Amino acid sequence: MTEKDIERINELYKKSKTPEGLTTEERREQAALRSAFLESVRNNLKGQLDTIKIQQPDGTIVDLKKKHQEKYGN
């Protein structure tokens, strides 16, 4: 997702609030861009969560990604 894509999402949103609204093609474009944006956010969050490590009171470090994979096999 580029800055240009985000700007386009905002342009389409603003146009949707005007009396003329969006054309059918613009509505499709808006839906596709929103979907790509949400996928980007999800992937970013997953990447951040995959790097979390927790230090236990005894000093050991637990990698949550490995713990999750051991528990759920994903």
PDB file of N, CA and C in Angstrom:
ATOM      1  N   MET A   1       0.861  -1.166   0.000  1.00  0.00           N
ATOM      2  CA  MET A   1       0.000   0.000   0.000  1.00  0.00           C
ATOM      3  C   MET A   1       0.908   1.230   0.000  1.00  0.00           C
ATOM      4  N   THR A   2       0.745   2.046  -1.003  1.00  0.00           N
ATOM      5  CA  THR A   2       1.573   3.242  -1.124  1.00  0.00           C
ATOM      6  C   THR A   2       0.820   4.473  -0.619  1.00  0.00           C
ATOM      7  N   GLU A   3       1.558   5.534  -0.442  1.00  0.00           N
ATOM      8  CA  GLU A   3       0.947   6.807  -0.027  1.00  0.00           C
ATOM      9  C   GLU A   3      -0.063   7.276  -1.077  1.00  0.00           C
ATOM     10  N   LYS A   4       0.261   7.010  -2.340  1.00  0.00           N
ATOM     11  CA  LYS A   4      -0.640   7.392  -3.429  1.00  0.00           C
ATOM     12  C   LYS A   4      -1.979   6.649  -3.322  1.00  0.00           C
ATOM     13  N   ASP A   5      -1.918   5.371  -2.958  1.00  0.00           N
ATOM     14  CA  ASP A   5      -3.142   4.584  -2.780  1.00  0.00           C
ATOM     15  C   ASP A   5      -3.992   5.154  -1.645  1.00  0.00           C
ATOM     16  N   ILE A   6      -3.347   5.527  -0.550  1.00  0.00           N
ATOM     17  CA  ILE A   6      -4.066   6.087   0.590  1.00  0.00           C
ATOM     18  C   ILE A   6      -4.699   7.424   0.220  1.00  0.00           C
ATOM     19  N   GLU A   7      -3.972   8.228  -0.531  1.00  0.00           N
ATOM     20  CA  GLU A   7      -4.530   9.497  -1.002  1.00  0.00           C
ATOM     21  C   GLU A   7      -5.756   9.256  -1.876  1.00  0.00           C
ATOM     22  N   ARG A   8      -5.683   8.225  -2.717  1.00  0.00           N
ATOM     23  CA  ARG A   8      -6.816   7.909  -3.590  1.00  0.00           C
ATOM     24  C   ARG A   8      -8.022   7.445  -2.780  1.00  0.00           C
ATOM     25  N   ILE A   9      -7.786   6.659  -1.740  1.00  0.00           N
ATOM     26  CA  ILE A   9      -8.873   6.232  -0.852  1.00  0.00           C
ATOM     27  C   ILE A   9      -9.557   7.461  -0.262  1.00  0.00           C
ATOM     28  N   ASN A  10      -8.758   8.414   0.197  1.00  0.00           N
ATOM     29  CA  ASN A  10      -9.308   9.638   0.789  1.00  0.00           C
ATOM     30  C   ASN A  10     -10.069  10.473  -0.241  1.00  0.00           C
ATOM     31  N   GLU A  11      -9.538  10.554  -1.457  1.00  0.00           N
ATOM     32  CA  GLU A  11     -10.233  11.291  -2.528  1.00  0.00           C
ATOM     33  C   GLU A  11     -11.609  10.677  -2.808  1.00  0.00           C
ATOM     34  N   LEU A  12     -11.622   9.365  -2.926  1.00  0.00           N
ATOM     35  CA  LEU A  12     -12.889   8.683  -3.207  1.00  0.00           C
ATOM     36  C   LEU A  12     -13.875   8.850  -2.055  1.00  0.00           C
ATOM     37  N   TYR A  13     -13.376   8.821  -0.834  1.00  0.00           N
ATOM     38  CA  TYR A  13     -14.252   9.025   0.317  1.00  0.00           C
ATOM     39  C   TYR A  13     -14.875  10.411   0.264  1.00  0.00           C
ATOM     40  N   LYS A  14     -14.042  11.415   0.037  1.00  0.00           N
ATOM     41  CA  LYS A  14     -14.548  12.791  -0.017  1.00  0.00           C
ATOM     42  C   LYS A  14     -15.566  12.956  -1.144  1.00  0.00           C
ATOM     43  N   LYS A  15     -15.289  12.347  -2.291  1.00  0.00           N
ATOM     44  CA  LYS A  15     -16.219  12.446  -3.410  1.00  0.00           C
ATOM     45  C   LYS A  15     -17.531  11.731  -3.099  1.00  0.00           C
ATOM     46  N   SER A  16     -17.452  10.641  -2.339  1.00  0.00           N
ATOM     47  CA  SER A  16     -18.671   9.898  -2.002  1.00  0.00           C
ATOM     48  C   SER A  16     -19.616  10.724  -1.140  1.00  0.00           C
ATOM     49  N   LYS A  17     -19.082  11.703  -0.426  1.00  0.00           N
ATOM     50  CA  LYS A  17     -19.896  12.544   0.446  1.00  0.00           C
ATOM     51  C   LYS A  17     -20.496  13.741  -0.292  1.00  0.00           C
ATOM     52  N   THR A  18     -20.114  13.957  -1.555  1.00  0.00           N
ATOM     53  CA  THR A  18     -20.677  15.054  -2.338  1.00  0.00           C
ATOM     54  C   THR A  18     -22.012  14.622  -2.926  1.00  0.00           C
ATOM     55  N   PRO A  19     -22.820  15.584  -3.365  1.00  0.00           N
ATOM     56  CA  PRO A  19     -24.123  15.236  -3.961  1.00  0.00           C
ATOM     57  C   PRO A  19     -24.009  14.341  -5.201  1.00  0.00           C
ATOM     58  N   GLU A  20     -22.931  14.485  -5.968  1.00  0.00           N
ATOM     59  CA  GLU A  20     -22.798  13.653  -7.171  1.00  0.00           C
ATOM     60  C   GLU A  20     -22.442  12.211  -6.848  1.00  0.00           C
ATOM     61  N   GLY A  21     -21.748  11.986  -5.744  1.00  0.00           N
ATOM     62  CA  GLY A  21     -21.400  10.629  -5.322  1.00  0.00           C
ATOM     63  C   GLY A  21     -20.377   9.968  -6.223  1.00  0.00           C
ATOM     64  N   LEU A  22     -20.262   8.664  -6.088  1.00  0.00           N
ATOM     65  CA  LEU A  22     -19.301   7.889  -6.858  1.00  0.00           C
ATOM     66  C   LEU A  22     -19.987   7.151  -7.999  1.00  0.00           C
ATOM     67  N   THR A  23     -19.221   6.965  -9.072  1.00  0.00           N
ATOM     68  CA  THR A  23     -19.717   6.132 -10.162  1.00  0.00           C
ATOM     69  C   THR A  23     -19.558   4.670  -9.753  1.00  0.00           C
ATOM     70  N   THR A  24     -20.145   3.793 -10.519  1.00  0.00           N
ATOM     71  CA  THR A  24     -20.030   2.355 -10.237  1.00  0.00           C
ATOM     72  C   THR A  24     -18.570   1.922 -10.267  1.00  0.00           C
ATOM     73  N   GLU A  25     -17.823   2.417 -11.239  1.00  0.00           N
ATOM     74  CA  GLU A  25     -16.400   2.069 -11.352  1.00  0.00           C
ATOM     75  C   GLU A  25     -15.609   2.594 -10.152  1.00  0.00           C
ATOM     76  N   GLU A  26     -15.928   3.788  -9.711  1.00  0.00           N
ATOM     77  CA  GLU A  26     -15.233   4.358  -8.557  1.00  0.00           C
ATOM     78  C   GLU A  26     -15.562   3.590  -7.274  1.00  0.00           C
ATOM     79  N   ARG A  27     -16.800   3.119  -7.152  1.00  0.00           N
ATOM     80  CA  ARG A  27     -17.172   2.307  -5.989  1.00  0.00           C
ATOM     81  C   ARG A  27     -16.373   1.003  -5.972  1.00  0.00           C
ATOM     82  N   ARG A  28     -16.203   0.397  -7.150  1.00  0.00           N
ATOM     83  CA  ARG A  28     -15.392  -0.830  -7.241  1.00  0.00           C
ATOM     84  C   ARG A  28     -13.947  -0.544  -6.862  1.00  0.00           C
ATOM     85  N   GLU A  29     -13.415   0.563  -7.380  1.00  0.00           N
ATOM     86  CA  GLU A  29     -12.036   0.946  -7.064  1.00  0.00           C
ATOM     87  C   GLU A  29     -11.882   1.184  -5.561  1.00  0.00           C
ATOM     88  N   GLN A  30     -12.851   1.873  -4.970  1.00  0.00           N
ATOM     89  CA  GLN A  30     -12.809   2.164  -3.541  1.00  0.00           C
ATOM     90  C   GLN A  30     -12.811   0.864  -2.731  1.00  0.00           C
ATOM     91  N   ALA A  31     -13.655  -0.065  -3.110  1.00  0.00           N
ATOM     92  CA  ALA A  31     -13.731  -1.344  -2.399  1.00  0.00           C
ATOM     93  C   ALA A  31     -12.417  -2.110  -2.508  1.00  0.00           C
ATOM     94  N   ALA A  32     -11.822  -2.111  -3.694  1.00  0.00           N
ATOM     95  CA  ALA A  32     -10.554  -2.817  -3.898  1.00  0.00           C
ATOM     96  C   ALA A  32      -9.435  -2.163  -3.092  1.00  0.00           C
ATOM     97  N   LEU A  33      -9.397  -0.843  -3.085  1.00  0.00           N
ATOM     98  CA  LEU A  33      -8.363  -0.141  -2.321  1.00  0.00           C
ATOM     99  C   LEU A  33      -8.534  -0.352  -0.820  1.00  0.00           C
ATOM    100  N   ARG A  34      -9.760  -0.322  -0.353  1.00  0.00           N
ATOM    101  CA  ARG A  34     -10.016  -0.561   1.072  1.00  0.00           C
ATOM    102  C   ARG A  34      -9.592  -1.975   1.462  1.00  0.00           C
ATOM    103  N   SER A  35      -9.906  -2.932   0.619  1.00  0.00           N
ATOM    104  CA  SER A  35      -9.530  -4.312   0.876  1.00  0.00           C
ATOM    105  C   SER A  35      -8.006  -4.459   0.945  1.00  0.00           C
ATOM    106  N   ALA A  36      -7.304  -3.835   0.011  1.00  0.00           N
ATOM    107  CA  ALA A  36      -5.836  -3.879  -0.002  1.00  0.00           C
ATOM    108  C   ALA A  36      -5.276  -3.195   1.240  1.00  0.00           C
ATOM    109  N   PHE A  37      -5.889  -2.100   1.656  1.00  0.00           N
ATOM    110  CA  PHE A  37      -5.436  -1.388   2.850  1.00  0.00           C
ATOM    111  C   PHE A  37      -5.591  -2.260   4.091  1.00  0.00           C
ATOM    112  N   LEU A  38      -6.752  -2.889   4.239  1.00  0.00           N
ATOM    113  CA  LEU A  38      -6.978  -3.751   5.399  1.00  0.00           C
ATOM    114  C   LEU A  38      -6.012  -4.931   5.417  1.00  0.00           C
ATOM    115  N   GLU A  39      -5.745  -5.508   4.261  1.00  0.00           N
ATOM    116  CA  GLU A  39      -4.783  -6.611   4.174  1.00  0.00           C
ATOM    117  C   GLU A  39      -3.400  -6.144   4.605  1.00  0.00           C
ATOM    118  N   SER A  40      -3.028  -4.946   4.190  1.00  0.00           N
ATOM    119  CA  SER A  40      -1.739  -4.369   4.568  1.00  0.00           C
ATOM    120  C   SER A  40      -1.645  -4.171   6.079  1.00  0.00           C
ATOM    121  N   VAL A  41      -2.715  -3.659   6.686  1.00  0.00           N
ATOM    122  CA  VAL A  41      -2.738  -3.447   8.135  1.00  0.00           C
ATOM    123  C   VAL A  41      -2.630  -4.781   8.864  1.00  0.00           C
ATOM    124  N   ARG A  42      -3.377  -5.775   8.399  1.00  0.00           N
ATOM    125  CA  ARG A  42      -3.333  -7.096   9.041  1.00  0.00           C
ATOM    126  C   ARG A  42      -1.933  -7.708   8.963  1.00  0.00           C
ATOM    127  N   ASN A  43      -1.309  -7.621   7.788  1.00  0.00           N
ATOM    128  CA  ASN A  43       0.034  -8.175   7.628  1.00  0.00           C
ATOM    129  C   ASN A  43       1.051  -7.454   8.510  1.00  0.00           C
ATOM    130  N   ASN A  44       0.915  -6.142   8.612  1.00  0.00           N
ATOM    131  CA  ASN A  44       1.806  -5.363   9.461  1.00  0.00           C
ATOM    132  C   ASN A  44       1.649  -5.778  10.919  1.00  0.00           C
ATOM    133  N   LEU A  45       0.412  -5.894  11.381  1.00  0.00           N
ATOM    134  CA  LEU A  45       0.156  -6.295  12.759  1.00  0.00           C
ATOM    135  C   LEU A  45       0.676  -7.703  13.028  1.00  0.00           C
ATOM    136  N   LYS A  46       0.450  -8.615  12.099  1.00  0.00           N
ATOM    137  CA  LYS A  46       0.942  -9.987  12.262  1.00  0.00           C
ATOM    138  C   LYS A  46       2.461 -10.002  12.367  1.00  0.00           C
ATOM    139  N   GLY A  47       3.127  -9.209  11.541  1.00  0.00           N
ATOM    140  CA  GLY A  47       4.584  -9.126  11.601  1.00  0.00           C
ATOM    141  C   GLY A  47       5.073  -8.617  12.945  1.00  0.00           C
ATOM    142  N   GLN A  48       4.378  -7.642  13.495  1.00  0.00           N
ATOM    143  CA  GLN A  48       4.754  -7.122  14.807  1.00  0.00           C
ATOM    144  C   GLN A  48       4.513  -8.156  15.902  1.00  0.00           C
ATOM    145  N   LEU A  49       3.366  -8.818  15.845  1.00  0.00           N
ATOM    146  CA  LEU A  49       3.052  -9.813  16.868  1.00  0.00           C
ATOM    147  C   LEU A  49       3.999 -11.012  16.808  1.00  0.00           C
ATOM    148  N   ASP A  50       4.458 -11.351  15.615  1.00  0.00           N
ATOM    149  CA  ASP A  50       5.370 -12.486  15.458  1.00  0.00           C
ATOM    150  C   ASP A  50       6.736 -12.235  16.074  1.00  0.00           C
ATOM    151  N   THR A  51       7.063 -10.997  16.379  1.00  0.00           N
ATOM    152  CA  THR A  51       8.392 -10.701  16.933  1.00  0.00           C
ATOM    153  C   THR A  51       8.365 -10.471  18.441  1.00  0.00           C
ATOM    154  N   ILE A  52       7.217 -10.652  19.080  1.00  0.00           N
ATOM    155  CA  ILE A  52       7.111 -10.407  20.521  1.00  0.00           C
ATOM    156  C   ILE A  52       7.774 -11.536  21.293  1.00  0.00           C
ATOM    157  N   LYS A  53       8.589 -11.122  22.251  1.00  0.00           N
ATOM    158  CA  LYS A  53       9.234 -12.056  23.168  1.00  0.00           C
ATOM    159  C   LYS A  53       8.957 -11.556  24.577  1.00  0.00           C
ATOM    160  N   ILE A  54       8.687 -12.481  25.498  1.00  0.00           N
ATOM    161  CA  ILE A  54       8.360 -12.118  26.872  1.00  0.00           C
ATOM    162  C   ILE A  54       9.410 -12.710  27.801  1.00  0.00           C
ATOM    163  N   GLN A  55       9.917 -11.855  28.692  1.00  0.00           N
ATOM    164  CA  GLN A  55      10.884 -12.325  29.679  1.00  0.00           C
ATOM    165  C   GLN A  55      10.133 -12.783  30.920  1.00  0.00           C
ATOM    166  N   GLN A  56      10.384 -14.035  31.312  1.00  0.00           N
ATOM    167  CA  GLN A  56       9.744 -14.619  32.483  1.00  0.00           C
ATOM    168  C   GLN A  56      10.456 -14.134  33.749  1.00  0.00           C
ATOM    169  N   PRO A  57       9.811 -14.262  34.906  1.00  0.00           N
ATOM    170  CA  PRO A  57      10.442 -13.833  36.163  1.00  0.00           C
ATOM    171  C   PRO A  57      11.784 -14.520  36.441  1.00  0.00           C
ATOM    172  N   ASP A  58      11.965 -15.744  35.921  1.00  0.00           N
ATOM    173  CA  ASP A  58      13.234 -16.449  36.144  1.00  0.00           C
ATOM    174  C   ASP A  58      14.317 -16.031  35.155  1.00  0.00           C
ATOM    175  N   GLY A  59      13.991 -15.105  34.258  1.00  0.00           N
ATOM    176  CA  GLY A  59      14.985 -14.586  33.318  1.00  0.00           C
ATOM    177  C   GLY A  59      14.941 -15.226  31.945  1.00  0.00           C
ATOM    178  N   THR A  60      14.204 -16.327  31.790  1.00  0.00           N
ATOM    179  CA  THR A  60      14.119 -16.954  30.481  1.00  0.00           C
ATOM    180  C   THR A  60      13.248 -16.105  29.553  1.00  0.00           C
ATOM    181  N   ILE A  61      13.507 -16.237  28.268  1.00  0.00           N
ATOM    182  CA  ILE A  61      12.752 -15.475  27.281  1.00  0.00           C
ATOM    183  C   ILE A  61      11.907 -16.438  26.453  1.00  0.00           C
ATOM    184  N   VAL A  62      10.629 -16.116  26.331  1.00  0.00           N
ATOM    185  CA  VAL A  62       9.691 -16.950  25.581  1.00  0.00           C
ATOM    186  C   VAL A  62       9.347 -16.230  24.285  1.00  0.00           C
ATOM    187  N   ASP A  63       9.569 -16.916  23.168  1.00  0.00           N
ATOM    188  CA  ASP A  63       9.200 -16.390  21.851  1.00  0.00           C
ATOM    189  C   ASP A  63       7.753 -16.794  21.596  1.00  0.00           C
ATOM    190  N   LEU A  64       6.862 -15.814  21.561  1.00  0.00           N
ATOM    191  CA  LEU A  64       5.438 -16.130  21.443  1.00  0.00           C
ATOM    192  C   LEU A  64       5.084 -16.783  20.114  1.00  0.00           C
ATOM    193  N   LYS A  65       5.807 -16.459  19.053  1.00  0.00           N
ATOM    194  CA  LYS A  65       5.520 -17.085  17.759  1.00  0.00           C
ATOM    195  C   LYS A  65       5.788 -18.585  17.840  1.00  0.00           C
ATOM    196  N   LYS A  66       6.933 -18.963  18.410  1.00  0.00           N
ATOM    197  CA  LYS A  66       7.261 -20.390  18.531  1.00  0.00           C
ATOM    198  C   LYS A  66       6.277 -21.093  19.459  1.00  0.00           C
ATOM    199  N   LYS A  67       5.904 -20.421  20.548  1.00  0.00           N
ATOM    200  CA  LYS A  67       4.956 -21.007  21.495  1.00  0.00           C
ATOM    201  C   LYS A  67       3.615 -21.255  20.811  1.00  0.00           C
ATOM    202  N   HIS A  68       3.165 -20.288  20.012  1.00  0.00           N
ATOM    203  CA  HIS A  68       1.907 -20.422  19.285  1.00  0.00           C
ATOM    204  C   HIS A  68       1.994 -21.583  18.274  1.00  0.00           C
ATOM    205  N   GLN A  69       3.119 -21.690  17.571  1.00  0.00           N
ATOM    206  CA  GLN A  69       3.282 -22.752  16.584  1.00  0.00           C
ATOM    207  C   GLN A  69       3.284 -24.122  17.258  1.00  0.00           C
ATOM    208  N   GLU A  70       3.908 -24.226  18.431  1.00  0.00           N
ATOM    209  CA  GLU A  70       3.924 -25.485  19.162  1.00  0.00           C
ATOM    210  C   GLU A  70       2.516 -25.876  19.612  1.00  0.00           C
ATOM    211  N   LYS A  71       1.759 -24.879  20.047  1.00  0.00           N
ATOM    212  CA  LYS A  71       0.425 -25.149  20.576  1.00  0.00           C
ATOM    213  C   LYS A  71      -0.584 -25.448  19.473  1.00  0.00           C
ATOM    214  N   TYR A  72      -0.538 -24.665  18.377  1.00  0.00           N
ATOM    215  CA  TYR A  72      -1.556 -24.786  17.341  1.00  0.00           C
ATOM    216  C   TYR A  72      -1.047 -25.383  16.047  1.00  0.00           C
ATOM    217  N   GLY A  73       0.246 -25.532  15.904  1.00  0.00           N
ATOM    218  CA  GLY A  73       0.800 -26.137  14.695  1.00  0.00           C
ATOM    219  C   GLY A  73       0.725 -25.255  13.473  1.00  0.00           C
ATOM    220  N   ASN A  74       0.591 -23.954  13.637  1.00  0.00           N
ATOM    221  CA  ASN A  74       0.511 -23.038  12.494  1.00  0.00           C
ATOM    222  C   ASN A  74       1.859 -22.459  12.228  1.00  0.00           C
TER     223      ASN A  74
END
